[in-house]
């Protein structure tokens, strides 16, 4: 998991950070790059086995895979840099994040199907008009609908598994979601650059 590796990085690379004057952001970027290569390797193996299983590869899956890899990397490294920024100051973050990942796994439609009733922009507009519901189950539903991992999972299913049934994500949706991923990444990088100046004192 990229976020956990970023969270552990300041502690694992303590000797390097103490002795070598290098841009510490490169350490975080190397974590993201390493896990991106691992992800693409798994996807290549997946695509190689598809013909042997008697299935076909949709054309949309071929061109959408690079965008999916980019979005997931930006999200995971962005969140990882935010967590890694405070990993030395608050040593319990790693344990709390492990629990949070378990909860987040069950609040992401990986093992179960989740089909939204409307496009995400329409759902967001309706939510702004009506406000937050009072039912806790409806709040869970809203979280599952709008959290980034759910959007990634739903878009991947649309483009790679069911393009004829669910339809490929629109250009506007892909652009806005990618822009949100970039903003999250840049925010995480900004926080990390500011906080990494205090790593030496916090060891």
C-alpha atoms as a PDB file:
ATOM      1  CA  UNK A   1       0.000   0.000   0.000  1.00  0.00           C
ATOM      2  CA  UNK A   2       1.482   3.278  -1.127  1.00  0.00           C
ATOM      3  CA  UNK A   3       0.114   5.378   1.729  1.00  0.00           C
ATOM      4  CA  UNK A   4       1.564   3.037   4.360  1.00  0.00           C
ATOM      5  CA  UNK A   5       4.954   3.044   2.615  1.00  0.00           C
ATOM      6  CA  UNK A   6       4.943   6.858   2.514  1.00  0.00           C
ATOM      7  CA  UNK A   7       3.956   6.937   6.164  1.00  0.00           C
ATOM      8  CA  UNK A   8       6.873   4.674   7.099  1.00  0.00           C
ATOM      9  CA  UNK A   9       9.400   6.381   4.821  1.00  0.00           C
ATOM     10  CA  UNK A  10      10.650   9.112   7.244  1.00  0.00           C
ATOM     11  CA  UNK A  11      11.514   6.412   9.785  1.00  0.00           C
ATOM     12  CA  UNK A  12      12.995   3.950   7.279  1.00  0.00           C
ATOM     13  CA  UNK A  13      15.192   6.582   5.652  1.00  0.00           C
ATOM     14  CA  UNK A  14      16.263   8.239   8.913  1.00  0.00           C
ATOM     15  CA  UNK A  15      19.985   7.651   8.312  1.00  0.00           C
ATOM     16  CA  UNK A  16      19.806   9.135   4.811  1.00  0.00           C
ATOM     17  CA  UNK A  17      17.775  12.150   5.921  1.00  0.00           C
ATOM     18  CA  UNK A  18      20.195  12.879   8.785  1.00  0.00           C
ATOM     19  CA  UNK A  19      23.415  12.559   6.779  1.00  0.00           C
ATOM     20  CA  UNK A  20      22.595  13.599   3.206  1.00  0.00           C
ATOM     21  CA  UNK A  21      21.251  16.952   2.110  1.00  0.00           C
ATOM     22  CA  UNK A  22      18.804  15.926  -0.598  1.00  0.00           C
ATOM     23  CA  UNK A  23      15.287  17.045  -1.564  1.00  0.00           C
ATOM     24  CA  UNK A  24      13.205  14.886   0.774  1.00  0.00           C
ATOM     25  CA  UNK A  25      10.265  15.067  -1.574  1.00  0.00           C
ATOM     26  CA  UNK A  26      12.207  12.755  -3.892  1.00  0.00           C
ATOM     27  CA  UNK A  27      11.926   9.997  -1.288  1.00  0.00           C
ATOM     28  CA  UNK A  28       8.142  10.232  -1.372  1.00  0.00           C
ATOM     29  CA  UNK A  29       8.098  10.360  -5.161  1.00  0.00           C
ATOM     30  CA  UNK A  30      10.284   7.257  -5.302  1.00  0.00           C
ATOM     31  CA  UNK A  31       7.726   5.412  -3.166  1.00  0.00           C
ATOM     32  CA  UNK A  32       4.956   6.413  -5.554  1.00  0.00           C
ATOM     33  CA  UNK A  33       7.029   5.462  -8.597  1.00  0.00           C
ATOM     34  CA  UNK A  34       7.899   2.047  -7.150  1.00  0.00           C
ATOM     35  CA  UNK A  35       4.293   1.191  -6.359  1.00  0.00           C
ATOM     36  CA  UNK A  36       3.146   2.490  -9.748  1.00  0.00           C
ATOM     37  CA  UNK A  37       5.530   0.037 -11.448  1.00  0.00           C
ATOM     38  CA  UNK A  38       4.191  -2.778  -9.259  1.00  0.00           C
ATOM     39  CA  UNK A  39       0.610  -1.831 -10.143  1.00  0.00           C
ATOM     40  CA  UNK A  40       1.342  -1.733 -13.881  1.00  0.00           C
ATOM     41  CA  UNK A  41       3.102  -5.098 -13.617  1.00  0.00           C
ATOM     42  CA  UNK A  42       0.016  -6.645 -12.041  1.00  0.00           C
ATOM     43  CA  UNK A  43      -2.169  -5.117 -14.747  1.00  0.00           C
ATOM     44  CA  UNK A  44       0.059  -6.521 -17.497  1.00  0.00           C
ATOM     45  CA  UNK A  45      -0.201  -9.990 -15.955  1.00  0.00           C
ATOM     46  CA  UNK A  46      -3.968  -9.529 -15.700  1.00  0.00           C
ATOM     47  CA  UNK A  47      -4.268  -8.598 -19.379  1.00  0.00           C
ATOM     48  CA  UNK A  48      -2.038 -11.506 -20.422  1.00  0.00           C
ATOM     49  CA  UNK A  49      -4.334 -14.007 -18.700  1.00  0.00           C
ATOM     50  CA  UNK A  50      -7.589 -12.549 -20.038  1.00  0.00           C
ATOM     51  CA  UNK A  51      -7.428 -14.367 -23.448  1.00  0.00           C
ATOM     52  CA  UNK A  52      -6.791 -17.699 -21.703  1.00  0.00           C
ATOM     53  CA  UNK A  53      -9.967 -17.171 -19.678  1.00  0.00           C
ATOM     54  CA  UNK A  54     -12.031 -16.707 -22.827  1.00  0.00           C
ATOM     55  CA  UNK A  55     -12.706 -13.033 -22.188  1.00  0.00           C
ATOM     56  CA  UNK A  56     -12.040 -10.030 -24.375  1.00  0.00           C
ATOM     57  CA  UNK A  57     -10.300  -6.752 -23.588  1.00  0.00           C
ATOM     58  CA  UNK A  58     -12.455  -3.671 -24.277  1.00  0.00           C
ATOM     59  CA  UNK A  59     -10.734  -0.941 -26.249  1.00  0.00           C
ATOM     60  CA  UNK A  60     -11.700   1.556 -23.554  1.00  0.00           C
ATOM     61  CA  UNK A  61      -9.652  -0.435 -21.024  1.00  0.00           C
ATOM     62  CA  UNK A  62      -6.467   0.075 -23.051  1.00  0.00           C
ATOM     63  CA  UNK A  63      -6.632   3.864 -23.194  1.00  0.00           C
ATOM     64  CA  UNK A  64      -8.179   4.290 -19.745  1.00  0.00           C
ATOM     65  CA  UNK A  65      -5.544   2.276 -17.855  1.00  0.00           C
ATOM     66  CA  UNK A  66      -2.849   5.022 -17.942  1.00  0.00           C
ATOM     67  CA  UNK A  67      -5.338   7.570 -16.612  1.00  0.00           C
ATOM     68  CA  UNK A  68      -6.466   5.181 -13.872  1.00  0.00           C
ATOM     69  CA  UNK A  69      -2.839   4.573 -12.878  1.00  0.00           C
ATOM     70  CA  UNK A  70      -2.165   8.321 -12.809  1.00  0.00           C
ATOM     71  CA  UNK A  71      -5.238   9.102 -10.698  1.00  0.00           C
ATOM     72  CA  UNK A  72      -4.614   6.342  -8.176  1.00  0.00           C
ATOM     73  CA  UNK A  73      -0.936   7.307  -7.847  1.00  0.00           C
ATOM     74  CA  UNK A  74      -1.743  10.991  -7.310  1.00  0.00           C
ATOM     75  CA  UNK A  75      -4.309  10.140  -4.615  1.00  0.00           C
ATOM     76  CA  UNK A  76      -2.165   7.605  -2.767  1.00  0.00           C
ATOM     77  CA  UNK A  77       1.044   9.656  -2.839  1.00  0.00           C
ATOM     78  CA  UNK A  78      -0.842  12.849  -1.926  1.00  0.00           C
ATOM     79  CA  UNK A  79      -2.439  11.212   1.107  1.00  0.00           C
ATOM     80  CA  UNK A  80       0.833   9.451   1.916  1.00  0.00           C
ATOM     81  CA  UNK A  81       2.728  12.745   1.967  1.00  0.00           C
ATOM     82  CA  UNK A  82       0.129  14.279   4.287  1.00  0.00           C
ATOM     83  CA  UNK A  83       0.455  11.349   6.680  1.00  0.00           C
ATOM     84  CA  UNK A  84       4.232  11.115   6.354  1.00  0.00           C
ATOM     85  CA  UNK A  85       4.558  14.808   7.186  1.00  0.00           C
ATOM     86  CA  UNK A  86       3.432  14.126  10.755  1.00  0.00           C
ATOM     87  CA  UNK A  87       4.650  10.536  11.143  1.00  0.00           C
ATOM     88  CA  UNK A  88       7.602  11.542  13.315  1.00  0.00           C
ATOM     89  CA  UNK A  89       5.780  14.068  15.450  1.00  0.00           C
ATOM     90  CA  UNK A  90       2.826  11.769  16.135  1.00  0.00           C
ATOM     91  CA  UNK A  91       4.151   8.187  16.219  1.00  0.00           C
ATOM     92  CA  UNK A  92       0.697   6.621  16.608  1.00  0.00           C
ATOM     93  CA  UNK A  93      -0.441   7.737  13.155  1.00  0.00           C
ATOM     94  CA  UNK A  94       0.834   4.521  11.615  1.00  0.00           C
ATOM     95  CA  UNK A  95      -1.301   2.344  13.903  1.00  0.00           C
ATOM     96  CA  UNK A  96      -4.346   4.563  13.492  1.00  0.00           C
ATOM     97  CA  UNK A  97      -3.960   4.542   9.720  1.00  0.00           C
ATOM     98  CA  UNK A  98      -3.851   0.737   9.695  1.00  0.00           C
ATOM     99  CA  UNK A  99      -7.249   0.691  11.389  1.00  0.00           C
ATOM    100  CA  UNK A 100      -8.535   3.422   9.083  1.00  0.00           C
ATOM    101  CA  UNK A 101      -7.485   1.395   6.037  1.00  0.00           C
ATOM    102  CA  UNK A 102      -9.505  -1.577   7.251  1.00  0.00           C
ATOM    103  CA  UNK A 103     -12.572   0.609   7.687  1.00  0.00           C
ATOM    104  CA  UNK A 104     -12.004   2.312   4.352  1.00  0.00           C
ATOM    105  CA  UNK A 105     -11.761  -1.058   2.614  1.00  0.00           C
ATOM    106  CA  UNK A 106     -15.305  -1.950   3.658  1.00  0.00           C
ATOM    107  CA  UNK A 107     -16.559   1.522   2.739  1.00  0.00           C
ATOM    108  CA  UNK A 108     -15.212   1.122  -0.791  1.00  0.00           C
ATOM    109  CA  UNK A 109     -17.243  -0.955  -3.294  1.00  0.00           C
ATOM    110  CA  UNK A 110     -14.555  -3.540  -3.984  1.00  0.00           C
ATOM    111  CA  UNK A 111     -16.291  -6.739  -2.874  1.00  0.00           C
ATOM    112  CA  UNK A 112     -19.815  -5.522  -3.550  1.00  0.00           C
ATOM    113  CA  UNK A 113     -21.535  -3.765  -6.436  1.00  0.00           C
ATOM    114  CA  UNK A 114     -22.506  -0.136  -6.104  1.00  0.00           C
ATOM    115  CA  UNK A 115     -24.281   1.577  -8.976  1.00  0.00           C
ATOM    116  CA  UNK A 116     -24.982   5.300  -8.454  1.00  0.00           C
ATOM    117  CA  UNK A 117     -28.404   6.585  -9.396  1.00  0.00           C
ATOM    118  CA  UNK A 118     -26.996   9.614 -11.265  1.00  0.00           C
ATOM    119  CA  UNK A 119     -23.678  11.078 -12.446  1.00  0.00           C
ATOM    120  CA  UNK A 120     -21.443  12.317  -9.658  1.00  0.00           C
ATOM    121  CA  UNK A 121     -21.884  15.990 -10.587  1.00  0.00           C
ATOM    122  CA  UNK A 122     -25.670  15.619 -10.535  1.00  0.00           C
ATOM    123  CA  UNK A 123     -25.508  13.847  -7.175  1.00  0.00           C
ATOM    124  CA  UNK A 124     -23.230  16.574  -5.783  1.00  0.00           C
ATOM    125  CA  UNK A 125     -25.597  19.306  -7.008  1.00  0.00           C
ATOM    126  CA  UNK A 126     -28.570  17.553  -5.427  1.00  0.00           C
ATOM    127  CA  UNK A 127     -26.665  17.142  -2.163  1.00  0.00           C
ATOM    128  CA  UNK A 128     -25.846  20.854  -2.089  1.00  0.00           C
ATOM    129  CA  UNK A 129     -29.495  21.711  -2.653  1.00  0.00           C
ATOM    130  CA  UNK A 130     -30.972  19.311  -0.108  1.00  0.00           C
ATOM    131  CA  UNK A 131     -28.208  19.393   2.520  1.00  0.00           C
ATOM    132  CA  UNK A 132     -26.895  16.490   4.565  1.00  0.00           C
ATOM    133  CA  UNK A 133     -29.447  13.845   5.587  1.00  0.00           C
ATOM    134  CA  UNK A 134     -30.155  12.991   9.222  1.00  0.00           C
ATOM    135  CA  UNK A 135     -29.997   9.210   8.747  1.00  0.00           C
ATOM    136  CA  UNK A 136     -26.632   7.656   9.588  1.00  0.00           C
ATOM    137  CA  UNK A 137     -27.097   5.042   6.851  1.00  0.00           C
ATOM    138  CA  UNK A 138     -27.648   7.780   4.299  1.00  0.00           C
ATOM    139  CA  UNK A 139     -24.453   9.473   5.502  1.00  0.00           C
ATOM    140  CA  UNK A 140     -22.591   6.202   4.933  1.00  0.00           C
ATOM    141  CA  UNK A 141     -24.105   6.038   1.459  1.00  0.00           C
ATOM    142  CA  UNK A 142     -22.952   9.585   0.686  1.00  0.00           C
ATOM    143  CA  UNK A 143     -19.439   8.796   1.900  1.00  0.00           C
ATOM    144  CA  UNK A 144     -19.279   5.670  -0.261  1.00  0.00           C
ATOM    145  CA  UNK A 145     -20.559   7.652  -3.217  1.00  0.00           C
ATOM    146  CA  UNK A 146     -18.102  10.549  -3.082  1.00  0.00           C
ATOM    147  CA  UNK A 147     -14.912   9.236  -1.522  1.00  0.00           C
ATOM    148  CA  UNK A 148     -12.076   9.086  -4.113  1.00  0.00           C
ATOM    149  CA  UNK A 149     -11.505   5.325  -3.959  1.00  0.00           C
ATOM    150  CA  UNK A 150     -15.157   4.659  -4.758  1.00  0.00           C
ATOM    151  CA  UNK A 151     -14.963   6.985  -7.752  1.00  0.00           C
ATOM    152  CA  UNK A 152     -11.820   5.212  -8.926  1.00  0.00           C
ATOM    153  CA  UNK A 153     -13.403   1.792  -8.538  1.00  0.00           C
ATOM    154  CA  UNK A 154     -16.618   2.756 -10.308  1.00  0.00           C
ATOM    155  CA  UNK A 155     -14.792   4.456 -13.180  1.00  0.00           C
ATOM    156  CA  UNK A 156     -12.504   1.438 -13.594  1.00  0.00           C
ATOM    157  CA  UNK A 157     -15.495  -0.898 -13.787  1.00  0.00           C
ATOM    158  CA  UNK A 158     -17.180   1.363 -16.329  1.00  0.00           C
ATOM    159  CA  UNK A 159     -14.168   1.565 -18.618  1.00  0.00           C
ATOM    160  CA  UNK A 160     -12.604  -1.869 -18.178  1.00  0.00           C
ATOM    161  CA  UNK A 161     -15.424  -4.300 -17.441  1.00  0.00           C
ATOM    162  CA  UNK A 162     -18.804  -2.895 -18.477  1.00  0.00           C
ATOM    163  CA  UNK A 163     -18.270  -0.135 -21.067  1.00  0.00           C
ATOM    164  CA  UNK A 164     -21.334  -1.218 -23.069  1.00  0.00           C
ATOM    165  CA  UNK A 165     -23.623  -1.445 -20.027  1.00  0.00           C
ATOM    166  CA  UNK A 166     -22.507   1.398 -17.748  1.00  0.00           C
ATOM    167  CA  UNK A 167     -20.824   3.613 -20.340  1.00  0.00           C
ATOM    168  CA  UNK A 168     -17.325   5.040 -20.322  1.00  0.00           C
ATOM    169  CA  UNK A 169     -16.707   8.044 -17.997  1.00  0.00           C
ATOM    170  CA  UNK A 170     -17.215  11.333 -19.797  1.00  0.00           C
ATOM    171  CA  UNK A 171     -14.376  13.672 -20.713  1.00  0.00           C
ATOM    172  CA  UNK A 172     -15.669  16.286 -18.245  1.00  0.00           C
ATOM    173  CA  UNK A 173     -15.801  13.732 -15.429  1.00  0.00           C
ATOM    174  CA  UNK A 174     -12.306  12.429 -16.168  1.00  0.00           C
ATOM    175  CA  UNK A 175     -10.864  15.957 -16.364  1.00  0.00           C
ATOM    176  CA  UNK A 176     -12.486  17.182 -13.127  1.00  0.00           C
ATOM    177  CA  UNK A 177     -11.581  14.047 -11.182  1.00  0.00           C
ATOM    178  CA  UNK A 178      -7.985  14.141 -12.451  1.00  0.00           C
ATOM    179  CA  UNK A 179      -7.819  17.832 -11.514  1.00  0.00           C
ATOM    180  CA  UNK A 180      -9.023  16.986  -7.997  1.00  0.00           C
ATOM    181  CA  UNK A 181      -6.313  14.293  -7.758  1.00  0.00           C
ATOM    182  CA  UNK A 182      -3.661  16.802  -8.856  1.00  0.00           C
ATOM    183  CA  UNK A 183      -4.851  19.342  -6.272  1.00  0.00           C
ATOM    184  CA  UNK A 184      -4.691  16.697  -3.529  1.00  0.00           C
ATOM    185  CA  UNK A 185      -1.186  15.717  -4.623  1.00  0.00           C
ATOM    186  CA  UNK A 186       0.058  19.331  -4.707  1.00  0.00           C
ATOM    187  CA  UNK A 187      -1.481  20.035  -1.301  1.00  0.00           C
ATOM    188  CA  UNK A 188       0.226  16.965   0.157  1.00  0.00           C
ATOM    189  CA  UNK A 189       3.540  17.990  -1.418  1.00  0.00           C
ATOM    190  CA  UNK A 190       3.250  21.504  -0.011  1.00  0.00           C
ATOM    191  CA  UNK A 191       2.552  20.231   3.500  1.00  0.00           C
ATOM    192  CA  UNK A 192       5.385  17.700   3.255  1.00  0.00           C
ATOM    193  CA  UNK A 193       7.897  20.289   2.056  1.00  0.00           C
ATOM    194  CA  UNK A 194       7.016  22.558   4.960  1.00  0.00           C
ATOM    195  CA  UNK A 195       7.015  19.825   7.599  1.00  0.00           C
ATOM    196  CA  UNK A 196      10.114  17.959   6.369  1.00  0.00           C
ATOM    197  CA  UNK A 197      12.266  20.853   7.542  1.00  0.00           C
ATOM    198  CA  UNK A 198      11.584  19.702  11.137  1.00  0.00           C
ATOM    199  CA  UNK A 199      12.380  15.988  10.634  1.00  0.00           C
ATOM    200  CA  UNK A 200      15.865  16.240  12.128  1.00  0.00           C
ATOM    201  CA  UNK A 201      14.544  17.734  15.374  1.00  0.00           C
ATOM    202  CA  UNK A 202      11.763  15.151  15.616  1.00  0.00           C
ATOM    203  CA  UNK A 203      13.947  12.029  15.366  1.00  0.00           C
END
